[in-house]
Amino acid sequence: MTTPILSRYRLEDKLGEGGMGIVYRASDLRLGRTVALKMLRPEMSANAALRQRLETEAHAASLLNHPSIATLFDFETDGDVAFLVYEYVNGKTLRDREIENPLELPDILSIFLKLAQGVAAAHDAGIIHRDLKPENVMITDDGRVKILDFGLAKVQTPDADGTSIPTTATAPGVLLGTVAYMSPEQLEGGAVDHRTDIFALGTMLYEFVAKRHPFKGKSSSSTIGNILKEEPGDLSRWGVRVPRELERVIKKSVRKNREERYQSVRDFASDIETVYQSLSGIGATSVAASEFVLPISRKLAKSLFLIIQFGYLTLYGAVFYHLDAVVRILSTDPFLYPEAAVTRTILLAAMCGVAVRLYLLTAIGFDHPDAGNKFRRLFPAILLLDGFWAASPLLLWMTIRWGVALGCAAVMAYLGFAQRTLIDSIHPDRTS
């Protein structure tokens, strides 16, 4: 069988195939080098709109020269076949690289720093990619990052009056891109600018750090709804512990209102670099055994924590309401004398408990940003207070059965430590 030849390129292996295009590894017979040829599928080669997209990609890629962007060598035709000639990138897509061996946090940040720098170079040239996704990012065997596929790029070149002239496929109202990585303004069919790429970068970064997509729904429609209306959950929800600054960077990148996002990819890259340097080569993508976080959502952990606080308040209220009966029962115990000292101790413990529980209810209930750290500092005192109340059922050993007293004491002792575990799921310690 004769090997197909287009112009001066001999097709060798098929590297990939999508809904509209095919990419081949080929040999340049004139220069003796390996290249990648991108062309439309045969049955779509006559489609004028798709051929125009190929030309748009050629125009966009020809304006770029950056180590993190695949280099376009030429745009040629052979009969009815139009194709792009790219440098051959020997590696795997970012998606395949993650599937093969999940990336650690320092590697993720290193990749996204290079990726952001490449996107910044495109923006400097007046090019908005508009289809950034893991499948359009290659990681070479030696660790370099290459951005691919500028087929949906919006290219703006200044005319004589200094205004912008958009290329084809950029008209408002046209939905272009991959839904899961599209910005709200893209999904709404509005005009887009460079900040739509920042949203895609933030979405991808969240996905690779959390190991799950921030907006992915059961269908394309639900994914669109999530992007337009829902905020991504805290990374701690998925048992991921990262520096607080990184979470801030991600959240800022995926703001619904583009005015609230990073206004420049270079600013995004600068903050990523700061976080990367702060790690000093030490990162963590999941919580270590000594830093266990419950495998439940932050919302559920918060609800359980608040229920415990209400439970304690109910206990204190019952003690106040039945104080005379409690003191009368305890006064029969020969080991608890005098009666006045017992009463004062119970009242003091109950009042301190009420103050602590009301503080925790408001701080956690209203999501005070430093509530987790404040709880950790107060934890020894809270544990002492809860230990007192955990021992209280044992004081009723003359009134209730020993088994019941021990069971109640064990449950209440557990609650003190359970609060600490829950707080780590609600407000992870991100001081590292």
Foldseek 3Di string as FASTA:
>chain_A
DDFDDADQKTFDAWPDDDPFKTKTWIARNVPGAIWIKIWTDPVCLVPPVQVLLQVVQVVLQCLDDDQQAWHWDDWDDGVSITITITHDAAFAFQVVVCVVPQDFPLLLLVQLLLVLVRLQRSVVQQKAQQADDSRQWGQGPVGGIYGHDSSQIWHWDQDPVGDTDTGPNQQFPDQDYDLLQFALSSVNRGHDGNLRVLQSSLQRSLCSLLVHGQQDDPDSVSSNVCLQDNQGAQSLLSQFFAAPLVSVLSSQSSDNDSVSHDPGSVVSSVSSVVRSVVCVPPGTSHDDPVLDADNHGLVVLLVVLLVVLVVLLVVLVVCVVCVVVLLVLLPVDPVDDDSVVVSVVSVVLSVVSVVVSVVLCVCSVVVPVCSLVVCVVCLVVLLVSLLVVLQVLVSNCVPDPPVVSPVSSVVSNVVSVSSNNSSCSNHNDNPD
